[in-house]
């Protein structure tokens, strides 16, 4: 994977005083690593831009103003909820002989056969969690989806990267091609329209009531004989 140079300044300001740094167009951050003392730092938005506004994962060559140099990765960035500007970042130090866990972006390549038949692409997992040595960290995972037909999918178990262990559930779907959703339209009743139910009701109402002629026989008596 590619390496990005980041120049930063060691800072003493903490807590509320970090707001003063932000007002001078500087982003406060922290570098930390297992077995090392945390280092509070600041960097400019321009220096951070290649690390924040990208879908790729990079190793960072951190150069401090005191002459120290660190190899690390960007672990987290916090943004202002109103302005969406970065307000803080975390850098995690790495060692070349120790594996680390990172999330790698998934990029889709190609036009699936199923889409040409009317299907829709569902990109379910946009990042995949992997573990490997720093030198083997992939910038991104590119999946060729050209051969996916209708109802086909690619699962985590299908991702094979040399020297990299994929940690997510093997049965999880990363991308799939699904049939279009068919919405059944219900026809609204039109006032005054003639329906089968209306015709049936009208026919029943039009039938005349049949009334028998002659005296109704009293219970227990025989009916009068016909003449």
Foldseek 3Di string as FASTA:
>chain_A
DAEAEAEKEFDDDDDPCLVVVVVVQKAWEWEDEPPDDITIIIGHPVRCVVQPPDQWWHWYFYAYPVGDTFIWTWDDWDADPPPRHTRYTYTYTADQPDKDKDKAAEAEDADAPQVVVAWDKDQPDGIFIKIAGPVQDGGHHYDYRHHAHEFDFDFLLNDDGPRMGTDDDRGHTRMHIYHDDDDDDDDDDDPPDDDPVNVVVVVVVPDDDDDDDDDDDDPPDDDDDDD
